[in-house]
Amino acid sequence: RPRCPPGALLGLAAVVVAAGWVRAEQKEEQSIDLIGKNEVYGDTRHEVNVYVKVFTNSPFLVCMDLALSQERIIDPNYLWTGPDGRDLQGQSYVNLTETGKLMVMGFMVSMSGAYTCTLSHKVIETTTQEETEMVEAYKFMVYAYREADHAYQVSVRFSTTGCKLRSNGLFIEVLKKILNSTISHLTCHITEASYKCHSIRTPKNGLQYELFVNFLVNPFAPGWEGVCHGVLYDCEDVTNRRVRQAAEQIGKFFHQLRHVLKHEFQAVPTIQYVDNSFSMTPIDSCQPGFGKSHHTHQNCASCCVVCGPGTYSPNNEVMCRTCARTRARMYGAKSC
């Protein structure tokens, strides 16, 4: 495949680093080589957004744009400052190379913010040997993020002989117990279970009654912390995998439900599963201090990004709230 010329490869809109690999939102003219090198180039025209999963290392932030990196640079000097404005040279949590590349190691929420590099170098006129000092500034906005915590909203319908039958409620309770038993080994459970009964008139069968059942497949059953034994930092990767397995098992359960009803619900044989009524929708939540924003963080829209200064998230909502009066000055605020 033909490579783009260096001049067409300016800037990288955003990079996401997670567990040692990089995801990037690329423009058409950008080269995939930039991702494999785990490097993000600066851009003098605008700040570059970088997203780093908590407790992992950032990519190398390069103190120049891609076009300049293809040229010979005379007497380069690099000055990196962190979000607090202090010089990063000699700090224990950074890897700063002699060629001006910066890696922030073991990225914490408090490390979020603006990382700025000033590059000074000389340009020497070939004929006169006159030296000119050049200065460029590059700004990277680096944000901590977590993977969203997943749960699954399940909807399903059952036919019944009437809406005021006591057996309807008993049926839902037994169904809930069976589903909990099915997924308990994954430390997941059913929460927010509810149902409504509706009368439905159909052209061919006249008036019928159906139970509309809804519940949430939740990964945080009692004892869920035990599944994270041996996980040094965050557990969302483990819980997300388990709740996905639980949701898949429940899906298989409903596909086989006619057989299950025949053997498990002999006391209420009049209640039957409505074929193809099972549906499952993923529901995301973010940990306190994090939220999603399709507008602010377009290139990490599925991530739970740390709440910025002036915003907060007190619970497991998906959005960061704006402080009404007292301004939260730090990243990851859980209150104002």
Foldseek 3Di string as FASTA:
>chain_A
DDAADQVQAWFFAEWEDDPHAIDGDDDPNHDPVCRVQQEGEFHLVDAHEYEYAAQAKHGWYAFHIRSCVVDDFAPKDKFKAFQVRDTCPPPPQWDADPRGIIMGHNDHQQRFAKIKMKIWTWDADPPPRDIDIDIGMGIYGYWYWHFWAKKKKKKFKKWAADQPDPVVVVVQVLVQVVLCVQQVVLLKHKPPKDWHKDWDQDPPPGITIMIIIIIMTGLHHPPSVVQCVVPPDDCRVSSNVSNVVSVVSVVVCLVCVVVVCVPPVPVGNRMGTDPPRIDMDMDTWAAWQWAADCVPCVGPRSIGIGAAWQWTAQGGHHHTHGDDPDIRHGTSHNHD
